[in-house]
């Protein structure tokens, strides 16, 4: 907020509109601002929000339970890029997201590593993903701890004992859904089913419904993520900033109907939902 030559209420209002998907062109027309000014505010807010996300979420204090991960494509002026995200089912907390020009293991690993940083060490965790094999590889490689035996040399890394991974593979003919295959690719089925019950409140089947709903929210709140968008992102840096600004508002300010509070409250990070002004004024230790 430092050095901005506009009233505080104007900045907060503009950033609120940006968080919920209002196109920059509409804001420019409504407030008489320069497009570069609005873009600068958006990038500042996104940089701040990323620091808030890391300082409040990725601190090894969350019992995540069931996690769901997925990836989606977004449009930029220079071609398609991919956004991978991971959400905790019980709290609906969006843990992290990463943008990359390619849909590959490096993209998925960035997200999985942040989920591990957010999780209490060695806690039971269930991952539900689509059939993209990079998720399984990244999870098994990341969720390991050194086995210390007292012998000399580097200790061997062992996978968390209560780690479970399921894949939900949807097959389509055109736009028509033909079949759904659910695979347990790591861990115990009985434990995985118990974690689904604990996080979803019913027995249910293995699914990726919660991260797919998150994808729908992202496409609604980020103009560049809309499938038939006429407002593609100009640069990866702006896309990254737009995502984290949206993610912070989603986690700390937005009250979800299904849990009747903000995800950060449900996860035990904050005592009550924040206003946009509180989010902007919060000073994370990382800044």
C-alpha atoms as a PDB file:
ATOM      1  CA  UNK A   1       0.000   0.000   0.000  1.00  0.00           C
ATOM      2  CA  UNK A   2       3.020   2.276   0.461  1.00  0.00           C
ATOM      3  CA  UNK A   3       3.355   5.145  -1.998  1.00  0.00           C
ATOM      4  CA  UNK A   4       0.018   4.682  -3.782  1.00  0.00           C
ATOM      5  CA  UNK A   5      -1.392   8.080  -4.721  1.00  0.00           C
ATOM      6  CA  UNK A   6      -5.052   7.135  -4.398  1.00  0.00           C
ATOM      7  CA  UNK A   7      -7.488   6.924  -1.462  1.00  0.00           C
ATOM      8  CA  UNK A   8      -7.241   3.757   0.569  1.00  0.00           C
ATOM      9  CA  UNK A   9     -10.869   2.834  -0.079  1.00  0.00           C
ATOM     10  CA  UNK A  10     -10.319   2.980  -3.846  1.00  0.00           C
ATOM     11  CA  UNK A  11      -7.380   0.564  -3.673  1.00  0.00           C
ATOM     12  CA  UNK A  12      -9.289  -1.874  -1.429  1.00  0.00           C
ATOM     13  CA  UNK A  13     -12.379  -1.729  -3.657  1.00  0.00           C
ATOM     14  CA  UNK A  14     -10.377  -2.309  -6.837  1.00  0.00           C
ATOM     15  CA  UNK A  15      -8.474  -5.250  -5.335  1.00  0.00           C
ATOM     16  CA  UNK A  16     -11.737  -6.760  -4.079  1.00  0.00           C
ATOM     17  CA  UNK A  17     -13.176  -6.600  -7.588  1.00  0.00           C
ATOM     18  CA  UNK A  18     -10.004  -8.139  -9.031  1.00  0.00           C
ATOM     19  CA  UNK A  19     -10.127 -11.006  -6.523  1.00  0.00           C
ATOM     20  CA  UNK A  20     -13.606 -11.969  -7.685  1.00  0.00           C
ATOM     21  CA  UNK A  21     -12.908 -11.839 -11.406  1.00  0.00           C
ATOM     22  CA  UNK A  22     -13.823  -8.326 -12.506  1.00  0.00           C
ATOM     23  CA  UNK A  23     -11.883  -7.566 -15.737  1.00  0.00           C
ATOM     24  CA  UNK A  24      -9.290  -4.809 -15.528  1.00  0.00           C
ATOM     25  CA  UNK A  25     -10.949  -3.019 -18.469  1.00  0.00           C
ATOM     26  CA  UNK A  26     -14.186  -2.666 -16.493  1.00  0.00           C
ATOM     27  CA  UNK A  27     -12.333  -1.269 -13.476  1.00  0.00           C
ATOM     28  CA  UNK A  28     -10.474   1.219 -15.674  1.00  0.00           C
ATOM     29  CA  UNK A  29     -13.763   2.414 -17.134  1.00  0.00           C
ATOM     30  CA  UNK A  30     -15.561   2.622 -13.775  1.00  0.00           C
ATOM     31  CA  UNK A  31     -12.837   4.360 -11.729  1.00  0.00           C
ATOM     32  CA  UNK A  32     -11.019   6.335 -14.414  1.00  0.00           C
ATOM     33  CA  UNK A  33      -7.711   4.662 -13.589  1.00  0.00           C
ATOM     34  CA  UNK A  34      -4.826   3.847 -15.896  1.00  0.00           C
ATOM     35  CA  UNK A  35      -4.647   0.150 -16.820  1.00  0.00           C
ATOM     36  CA  UNK A  36      -0.988   0.028 -15.787  1.00  0.00           C
ATOM     37  CA  UNK A  37      -1.917   1.351 -12.343  1.00  0.00           C
ATOM     38  CA  UNK A  38      -4.501  -1.379 -11.818  1.00  0.00           C
ATOM     39  CA  UNK A  39      -2.059  -4.052 -13.022  1.00  0.00           C
ATOM     40  CA  UNK A  40       0.606  -2.752 -10.636  1.00  0.00           C
ATOM     41  CA  UNK A  41      -1.813  -2.902  -7.697  1.00  0.00           C
ATOM     42  CA  UNK A  42      -2.756  -6.443  -8.695  1.00  0.00           C
ATOM     43  CA  UNK A  43       0.881  -7.569  -8.794  1.00  0.00           C
ATOM     44  CA  UNK A  44       1.614  -5.939  -5.437  1.00  0.00           C
ATOM     45  CA  UNK A  45      -1.408  -7.639  -3.874  1.00  0.00           C
ATOM     46  CA  UNK A  46      -0.429 -10.994  -5.376  1.00  0.00           C
ATOM     47  CA  UNK A  47       3.141 -10.757  -4.077  1.00  0.00           C
ATOM     48  CA  UNK A  48       1.818  -9.888  -0.621  1.00  0.00           C
ATOM     49  CA  UNK A  49      -0.773 -12.683  -0.748  1.00  0.00           C
ATOM     50  CA  UNK A  50       1.858 -15.276  -1.674  1.00  0.00           C
ATOM     51  CA  UNK A  51       3.872 -14.268   1.388  1.00  0.00           C
ATOM     52  CA  UNK A  52       0.752 -14.498   3.557  1.00  0.00           C
ATOM     53  CA  UNK A  53      -0.028 -17.945   2.152  1.00  0.00           C
ATOM     54  CA  UNK A  54       3.473 -19.222   2.844  1.00  0.00           C
ATOM     55  CA  UNK A  55       3.759 -17.718   6.327  1.00  0.00           C
ATOM     56  CA  UNK A  56       0.310 -18.815   7.525  1.00  0.00           C
ATOM     57  CA  UNK A  57      -0.354 -22.079   5.678  1.00  0.00           C
ATOM     58  CA  UNK A  58       3.005 -23.713   4.887  1.00  0.00           C
ATOM     59  CA  UNK A  59       4.359 -23.951   8.435  1.00  0.00           C
ATOM     60  CA  UNK A  60       4.043 -27.660   9.255  1.00  0.00           C
ATOM     61  CA  UNK A  61       1.083 -27.242  11.601  1.00  0.00           C
ATOM     62  CA  UNK A  62      -1.942 -28.606   9.689  1.00  0.00           C
ATOM     63  CA  UNK A  63      -3.642 -31.985   9.953  1.00  0.00           C
ATOM     64  CA  UNK A  64      -4.649 -32.144   6.300  1.00  0.00           C
ATOM     65  CA  UNK A  65      -6.422 -35.516   6.128  1.00  0.00           C
ATOM     66  CA  UNK A  66      -7.580 -36.015   2.556  1.00  0.00           C
ATOM     67  CA  UNK A  67      -5.847 -33.965  -0.140  1.00  0.00           C
ATOM     68  CA  UNK A  68      -6.983 -33.637  -3.734  1.00  0.00           C
ATOM     69  CA  UNK A  69      -4.718 -32.434  -6.539  1.00  0.00           C
ATOM     70  CA  UNK A  70      -5.392 -31.524 -10.134  1.00  0.00           C
ATOM     71  CA  UNK A  71      -4.070 -29.440 -13.007  1.00  0.00           C
ATOM     72  CA  UNK A  72      -5.799 -27.166 -15.507  1.00  0.00           C
ATOM     73  CA  UNK A  73      -4.772 -25.083 -18.490  1.00  0.00           C
ATOM     74  CA  UNK A  74      -4.879 -21.290 -18.693  1.00  0.00           C
ATOM     75  CA  UNK A  75      -4.475 -18.915 -21.608  1.00  0.00           C
ATOM     76  CA  UNK A  76      -1.810 -16.275 -22.000  1.00  0.00           C
ATOM     77  CA  UNK A  77      -0.955 -13.989 -24.901  1.00  0.00           C
ATOM     78  CA  UNK A  78       1.944 -16.324 -25.662  1.00  0.00           C
ATOM     79  CA  UNK A  79       0.140 -19.667 -25.492  1.00  0.00           C
ATOM     80  CA  UNK A  80      -1.319 -22.105 -23.001  1.00  0.00           C
ATOM     81  CA  UNK A  81       0.189 -22.655 -19.547  1.00  0.00           C
ATOM     82  CA  UNK A  82      -0.723 -25.112 -16.801  1.00  0.00           C
ATOM     83  CA  UNK A  83      -1.826 -24.463 -13.226  1.00  0.00           C
ATOM     84  CA  UNK A  84      -1.566 -27.259 -10.642  1.00  0.00           C
ATOM     85  CA  UNK A  85      -3.350 -26.946  -7.284  1.00  0.00           C
ATOM     86  CA  UNK A  86      -3.956 -28.955  -4.126  1.00  0.00           C
ATOM     87  CA  UNK A  87      -6.855 -28.546  -1.682  1.00  0.00           C
ATOM     88  CA  UNK A  88      -7.589 -30.063   1.739  1.00  0.00           C
ATOM     89  CA  UNK A  89     -11.054 -31.627   1.578  1.00  0.00           C
ATOM     90  CA  UNK A  90     -12.162 -31.192   5.204  1.00  0.00           C
ATOM     91  CA  UNK A  91     -11.372 -27.464   5.457  1.00  0.00           C
ATOM     92  CA  UNK A  92     -11.519 -26.613   1.701  1.00  0.00           C
ATOM     93  CA  UNK A  93      -8.166 -24.890   2.251  1.00  0.00           C
ATOM     94  CA  UNK A  94      -6.253 -24.231  -0.957  1.00  0.00           C
ATOM     95  CA  UNK A  95      -2.723 -25.161   0.094  1.00  0.00           C
ATOM     96  CA  UNK A  96      -0.727 -24.076  -2.939  1.00  0.00           C
ATOM     97  CA  UNK A  97      -0.673 -23.608  -6.693  1.00  0.00           C
ATOM     98  CA  UNK A  98       2.063 -23.395  -9.316  1.00  0.00           C
ATOM     99  CA  UNK A  99       2.137 -22.215 -12.933  1.00  0.00           C
ATOM    100  CA  UNK A 100       4.311 -23.728 -15.660  1.00  0.00           C
ATOM    101  CA  UNK A 101       4.455 -23.668 -19.470  1.00  0.00           C
ATOM    102  CA  UNK A 102       4.454 -27.479 -19.391  1.00  0.00           C
ATOM    103  CA  UNK A 103       2.346 -30.117 -17.668  1.00  0.00           C
ATOM    104  CA  UNK A 104       5.157 -32.152 -16.170  1.00  0.00           C
ATOM    105  CA  UNK A 105       6.632 -33.571 -12.989  1.00  0.00           C
ATOM    106  CA  UNK A 106       8.414 -30.344 -12.059  1.00  0.00           C
ATOM    107  CA  UNK A 107       5.088 -28.485 -11.923  1.00  0.00           C
ATOM    108  CA  UNK A 108       3.448 -31.149  -9.746  1.00  0.00           C
ATOM    109  CA  UNK A 109       6.472 -31.422  -7.437  1.00  0.00           C
ATOM    110  CA  UNK A 110       6.305 -27.705  -6.587  1.00  0.00           C
ATOM    111  CA  UNK A 111       2.761 -28.144  -5.272  1.00  0.00           C
ATOM    112  CA  UNK A 112       3.395 -31.439  -3.464  1.00  0.00           C
ATOM    113  CA  UNK A 113       6.433 -30.026  -1.654  1.00  0.00           C
ATOM    114  CA  UNK A 114       4.373 -27.103  -0.335  1.00  0.00           C
ATOM    115  CA  UNK A 115       1.699 -29.514   0.898  1.00  0.00           C
ATOM    116  CA  UNK A 116       4.365 -31.385   2.851  1.00  0.00           C
ATOM    117  CA  UNK A 117       5.597 -28.092   4.322  1.00  0.00           C
ATOM    118  CA  UNK A 118       2.034 -27.374   5.487  1.00  0.00           C
ATOM    119  CA  UNK A 119       1.412 -30.809   7.005  1.00  0.00           C
ATOM    120  CA  UNK A 120       2.192 -31.994  10.508  1.00  0.00           C
ATOM    121  CA  UNK A 121       5.082 -34.433  10.181  1.00  0.00           C
ATOM    122  CA  UNK A 122       4.206 -38.106   9.628  1.00  0.00           C
ATOM    123  CA  UNK A 123       0.443 -37.519   9.886  1.00  0.00           C
ATOM    124  CA  UNK A 124      -1.972 -39.852   8.038  1.00  0.00           C
ATOM    125  CA  UNK A 125      -2.689 -38.372   4.615  1.00  0.00           C
ATOM    126  CA  UNK A 126      -4.719 -39.496   1.621  1.00  0.00           C
ATOM    127  CA  UNK A 127      -4.080 -38.095  -1.854  1.00  0.00           C
ATOM    128  CA  UNK A 128      -6.756 -38.288  -4.551  1.00  0.00           C
ATOM    129  CA  UNK A 129      -5.636 -37.253  -8.040  1.00  0.00           C
ATOM    130  CA  UNK A 130      -6.434 -37.890 -11.682  1.00  0.00           C
ATOM    131  CA  UNK A 131      -4.490 -40.448 -13.711  1.00  0.00           C
ATOM    132  CA  UNK A 132      -1.515 -38.159 -14.412  1.00  0.00           C
ATOM    133  CA  UNK A 133       1.395 -40.302 -13.224  1.00  0.00           C
ATOM    134  CA  UNK A 134       3.486 -37.308 -12.114  1.00  0.00           C
ATOM    135  CA  UNK A 135       1.290 -36.944  -9.015  1.00  0.00           C
ATOM    136  CA  UNK A 136       2.095 -40.421  -7.712  1.00  0.00           C
ATOM    137  CA  UNK A 137       5.819 -40.034  -8.449  1.00  0.00           C
ATOM    138  CA  UNK A 138       6.049 -36.612  -6.793  1.00  0.00           C
ATOM    139  CA  UNK A 139       4.065 -37.682  -3.707  1.00  0.00           C
ATOM    140  CA  UNK A 140       6.127 -40.828  -3.105  1.00  0.00           C
ATOM    141  CA  UNK A 141       9.378 -38.922  -3.619  1.00  0.00           C
ATOM    142  CA  UNK A 142       8.388 -35.993  -1.398  1.00  0.00           C
ATOM    143  CA  UNK A 143       6.609 -37.650   1.544  1.00  0.00           C
ATOM    144  CA  UNK A 144       9.712 -39.405   2.868  1.00  0.00           C
ATOM    145  CA  UNK A 145      11.779 -39.002   6.015  1.00  0.00           C
ATOM    146  CA  UNK A 146      15.334 -40.138   6.853  1.00  0.00           C
ATOM    147  CA  UNK A 147      15.562 -43.405   8.797  1.00  0.00           C
ATOM    148  CA  UNK A 148      18.285 -42.774  11.350  1.00  0.00           C
ATOM    149  CA  UNK A 149      20.009 -45.919  12.593  1.00  0.00           C
ATOM    150  CA  UNK A 150      23.085 -44.400  14.209  1.00  0.00           C
ATOM    151  CA  UNK A 151      25.342 -45.749  11.477  1.00  0.00           C
ATOM    152  CA  UNK A 152      27.700 -43.557   9.503  1.00  0.00           C
ATOM    153  CA  UNK A 153      26.651 -42.187   6.153  1.00  0.00           C
ATOM    154  CA  UNK A 154      23.527 -40.658   4.730  1.00  0.00           C
ATOM    155  CA  UNK A 155      20.375 -42.230   6.215  1.00  0.00           C
ATOM    156  CA  UNK A 156      17.956 -44.045   3.950  1.00  0.00           C
ATOM    157  CA  UNK A 157      14.714 -42.215   3.132  1.00  0.00           C
ATOM    158  CA  UNK A 158      11.494 -44.086   3.911  1.00  0.00           C
ATOM    159  CA  UNK A 159       7.940 -43.243   2.828  1.00  0.00           C
ATOM    160  CA  UNK A 160       5.493 -42.019   5.467  1.00  0.00           C
ATOM    161  CA  UNK A 161       3.838 -45.162   6.907  1.00  0.00           C
ATOM    162  CA  UNK A 162       0.276 -43.812   6.716  1.00  0.00           C
ATOM    163  CA  UNK A 163       0.419 -42.362   3.201  1.00  0.00           C
ATOM    164  CA  UNK A 164      -2.274 -43.412   0.726  1.00  0.00           C
ATOM    165  CA  UNK A 165      -2.756 -42.496  -2.931  1.00  0.00           C
ATOM    166  CA  UNK A 166      -5.789 -43.092  -5.121  1.00  0.00           C
ATOM    167  CA  UNK A 167      -6.322 -42.217  -8.770  1.00  0.00           C
ATOM    168  CA  UNK A 168      -9.697 -41.311 -10.254  1.00  0.00           C
ATOM    169  CA  UNK A 169      -9.518 -41.793 -14.020  1.00  0.00           C
ATOM    170  CA  UNK A 170     -12.368 -40.463 -16.142  1.00  0.00           C
ATOM    171  CA  UNK A 171     -12.718 -41.673 -19.717  1.00  0.00           C
ATOM    172  CA  UNK A 172     -14.689 -39.646 -22.215  1.00  0.00           C
ATOM    173  CA  UNK A 173     -15.874 -39.891 -25.776  1.00  0.00           C
ATOM    174  CA  UNK A 174     -15.886 -36.289 -26.897  1.00  0.00           C
ATOM    175  CA  UNK A 175     -17.603 -34.483 -24.010  1.00  0.00           C
ATOM    176  CA  UNK A 176     -19.550 -37.531 -22.910  1.00  0.00           C
ATOM    177  CA  UNK A 177     -18.350 -39.293 -19.753  1.00  0.00           C
ATOM    178  CA  UNK A 178     -18.062 -43.007 -20.533  1.00  0.00           C
ATOM    179  CA  UNK A 179     -16.573 -44.524 -17.384  1.00  0.00           C
ATOM    180  CA  UNK A 180     -14.792 -43.767 -14.097  1.00  0.00           C
ATOM    181  CA  UNK A 181     -12.021 -45.998 -12.786  1.00  0.00           C
ATOM    182  CA  UNK A 182     -10.868 -45.686  -9.174  1.00  0.00           C
ATOM    183  CA  UNK A 183      -7.455 -47.144  -8.320  1.00  0.00           C
ATOM    184  CA  UNK A 184      -5.628 -47.477  -5.028  1.00  0.00           C
ATOM    185  CA  UNK A 185      -2.002 -47.087  -6.141  1.00  0.00           C
ATOM    186  CA  UNK A 186      -0.343 -46.850  -2.724  1.00  0.00           C
ATOM    187  CA  UNK A 187      -1.324 -47.651   0.862  1.00  0.00           C
ATOM    188  CA  UNK A 188      -4.245 -49.555   2.399  1.00  0.00           C
ATOM    189  CA  UNK A 189      -7.786 -49.399   1.044  1.00  0.00           C
ATOM    190  CA  UNK A 190      -9.386 -49.654   4.490  1.00  0.00           C
ATOM    191  CA  UNK A 191      -7.380 -46.701   5.808  1.00  0.00           C
ATOM    192  CA  UNK A 192      -8.048 -44.662   2.674  1.00  0.00           C
ATOM    193  CA  UNK A 193     -11.792 -45.304   2.931  1.00  0.00           C
ATOM    194  CA  UNK A 194     -11.752 -44.271   6.610  1.00  0.00           C
ATOM    195  CA  UNK A 195     -10.073 -40.987   5.687  1.00  0.00           C
ATOM    196  CA  UNK A 196     -12.681 -40.335   2.998  1.00  0.00           C
ATOM    197  CA  UNK A 197     -15.381 -40.856   5.628  1.00  0.00           C
ATOM    198  CA  UNK A 198     -13.622 -38.544   8.104  1.00  0.00           C
ATOM    199  CA  UNK A 199     -13.125 -35.706   5.614  1.00  0.00           C
ATOM    200  CA  UNK A 200     -16.375 -35.901   3.627  1.00  0.00           C
ATOM    201  CA  UNK A 201     -18.824 -36.954   6.327  1.00  0.00           C
ATOM    202  CA  UNK A 202     -20.095 -39.982   4.437  1.00  0.00           C
ATOM    203  CA  UNK A 203     -18.737 -43.272   3.153  1.00  0.00           C
ATOM    204  CA  UNK A 204     -18.714 -42.175  -0.496  1.00  0.00           C
ATOM    205  CA  UNK A 205     -16.364 -43.251  -3.255  1.00  0.00           C
ATOM    206  CA  UNK A 206     -12.870 -42.039  -4.018  1.00  0.00           C
ATOM    207  CA  UNK A 207     -13.310 -38.834  -6.000  1.00  0.00           C
ATOM    208  CA  UNK A 208     -11.711 -35.564  -7.079  1.00  0.00           C
ATOM    209  CA  UNK A 209     -14.922 -33.541  -6.775  1.00  0.00           C
ATOM    210  CA  UNK A 210     -13.530 -30.951  -4.352  1.00  0.00           C
ATOM    211  CA  UNK A 211     -10.529 -29.935  -6.418  1.00  0.00           C
ATOM    212  CA  UNK A 212     -12.766 -29.872  -9.513  1.00  0.00           C
ATOM    213  CA  UNK A 213     -15.068 -27.439  -7.704  1.00  0.00           C
ATOM    214  CA  UNK A 214     -11.996 -25.382  -6.853  1.00  0.00           C
ATOM    215  CA  UNK A 215     -11.079 -25.372 -10.555  1.00  0.00           C
ATOM    216  CA  UNK A 216     -14.545 -24.027 -11.348  1.00  0.00           C
ATOM    217  CA  UNK A 217     -14.051 -21.249  -8.771  1.00  0.00           C
ATOM    218  CA  UNK A 218     -10.663 -20.362 -10.262  1.00  0.00           C
ATOM    219  CA  UNK A 219     -12.177 -20.150 -13.740  1.00  0.00           C
ATOM    220  CA  UNK A 220     -14.879 -17.837 -12.356  1.00  0.00           C
ATOM    221  CA  UNK A 221     -12.579 -15.575 -10.337  1.00  0.00           C
ATOM    222  CA  UNK A 222      -9.633 -15.384 -12.776  1.00  0.00           C
ATOM    223  CA  UNK A 223     -10.532 -14.014 -16.234  1.00  0.00           C
ATOM    224  CA  UNK A 224      -7.413 -15.603 -17.771  1.00  0.00           C
ATOM    225  CA  UNK A 225      -8.619 -19.020 -16.570  1.00  0.00           C
ATOM    226  CA  UNK A 226     -11.968 -18.800 -18.369  1.00  0.00           C
ATOM    227  CA  UNK A 227     -12.052 -21.389 -21.159  1.00  0.00           C
ATOM    228  CA  UNK A 228     -13.205 -18.929 -23.838  1.00  0.00           C
ATOM    229  CA  UNK A 229     -11.465 -15.901 -22.379  1.00  0.00           C
ATOM    230  CA  UNK A 230     -10.849 -12.703 -24.333  1.00  0.00           C
ATOM    231  CA  UNK A 231      -8.595 -11.472 -21.512  1.00  0.00           C
ATOM    232  CA  UNK A 232      -5.555 -13.787 -21.500  1.00  0.00           C
ATOM    233  CA  UNK A 233      -2.712 -13.084 -19.107  1.00  0.00           C
ATOM    234  CA  UNK A 234       0.170 -11.068 -20.516  1.00  0.00           C
ATOM    235  CA  UNK A 235       2.992 -12.582 -18.453  1.00  0.00           C
ATOM    236  CA  UNK A 236       3.567 -15.509 -16.113  1.00  0.00           C
ATOM    237  CA  UNK A 237       4.432 -13.116 -13.284  1.00  0.00           C
ATOM    238  CA  UNK A 238       1.042 -11.438 -13.530  1.00  0.00           C
ATOM    239  CA  UNK A 239      -0.707 -14.790 -13.761  1.00  0.00           C
ATOM    240  CA  UNK A 240       1.102 -15.988 -10.642  1.00  0.00           C
ATOM    241  CA  UNK A 241       0.165 -12.780  -8.791  1.00  0.00           C
ATOM    242  CA  UNK A 242      -3.473 -13.015  -9.890  1.00  0.00           C
ATOM    243  CA  UNK A 243      -3.668 -16.612  -8.694  1.00  0.00           C
ATOM    244  CA  UNK A 244      -2.218 -15.972  -5.242  1.00  0.00           C
ATOM    245  CA  UNK A 245      -4.353 -12.880  -4.690  1.00  0.00           C
ATOM    246  CA  UNK A 246      -7.428 -14.952  -5.543  1.00  0.00           C
ATOM    247  CA  UNK A 247      -6.167 -17.850  -3.376  1.00  0.00           C
ATOM    248  CA  UNK A 248      -5.615 -15.668  -0.302  1.00  0.00           C
ATOM    249  CA  UNK A 249      -9.095 -14.135  -0.591  1.00  0.00           C
ATOM    250  CA  UNK A 250     -10.531 -17.633  -1.118  1.00  0.00           C
ATOM    251  CA  UNK A 251      -8.768 -18.986   1.991  1.00  0.00           C
ATOM    252  CA  UNK A 252      -9.021 -16.098   4.448  1.00  0.00           C
ATOM    253  CA  UNK A 253     -11.981 -13.941   3.392  1.00  0.00           C
ATOM    254  CA  UNK A 254     -14.541 -15.983   1.473  1.00  0.00           C
ATOM    255  CA  UNK A 255     -17.192 -17.840   3.493  1.00  0.00           C
ATOM    256  CA  UNK A 256     -18.032 -21.187   1.886  1.00  0.00           C
ATOM    257  CA  UNK A 257     -21.627 -22.366   2.074  1.00  0.00           C
ATOM    258  CA  UNK A 258     -20.646 -26.016   2.685  1.00  0.00           C
ATOM    259  CA  UNK A 259     -18.608 -25.249   5.837  1.00  0.00           C
ATOM    260  CA  UNK A 260     -20.267 -21.926   6.813  1.00  0.00           C
ATOM    261  CA  UNK A 261     -16.933 -20.193   7.339  1.00  0.00           C
ATOM    262  CA  UNK A 262     -13.650 -19.409   5.601  1.00  0.00           C
ATOM    263  CA  UNK A 263     -11.235 -22.321   4.931  1.00  0.00           C
ATOM    264  CA  UNK A 264      -8.536 -20.716   7.099  1.00  0.00           C
ATOM    265  CA  UNK A 265     -10.945 -20.755  10.042  1.00  0.00           C
ATOM    266  CA  UNK A 266     -11.949 -24.385   9.391  1.00  0.00           C
ATOM    267  CA  UNK A 267      -8.259 -25.338   9.282  1.00  0.00           C
ATOM    268  CA  UNK A 268      -7.556 -23.571  12.594  1.00  0.00           C
ATOM    269  CA  UNK A 269      -5.264 -20.921  11.101  1.00  0.00           C
ATOM    270  CA  UNK A 270      -7.414 -17.916  12.077  1.00  0.00           C
ATOM    271  CA  UNK A 271     -10.208 -17.344  14.584  1.00  0.00           C
ATOM    272  CA  UNK A 272     -12.570 -15.610  12.165  1.00  0.00           C
ATOM    273  CA  UNK A 273     -12.787 -14.684   8.478  1.00  0.00           C
ATOM    274  CA  UNK A 274     -10.751 -11.647   7.466  1.00  0.00           C
ATOM    275  CA  UNK A 275     -11.910  -8.648   5.494  1.00  0.00           C
ATOM    276  CA  UNK A 276     -10.000  -7.681   2.346  1.00  0.00           C
ATOM    277  CA  UNK A 277      -8.598  -4.715   4.280  1.00  0.00           C
ATOM    278  CA  UNK A 278      -7.323  -7.023   7.056  1.00  0.00           C
ATOM    279  CA  UNK A 279      -5.682  -9.269   4.474  1.00  0.00           C
ATOM    280  CA  UNK A 280      -3.913  -6.296   2.885  1.00  0.00           C
ATOM    281  CA  UNK A 281      -2.752  -4.935   6.245  1.00  0.00           C
ATOM    282  CA  UNK A 282      -1.482  -8.265   7.599  1.00  0.00           C
ATOM    283  CA  UNK A 283       2.296  -8.307   7.893  1.00  0.00           C
ATOM    284  CA  UNK A 284       3.675 -11.813   7.310  1.00  0.00           C
ATOM    285  CA  UNK A 285       7.029 -12.627   8.828  1.00  0.00           C
ATOM    286  CA  UNK A 286       8.379 -13.480   5.361  1.00  0.00           C
ATOM    287  CA  UNK A 287       7.963  -9.922   4.053  1.00  0.00           C
END
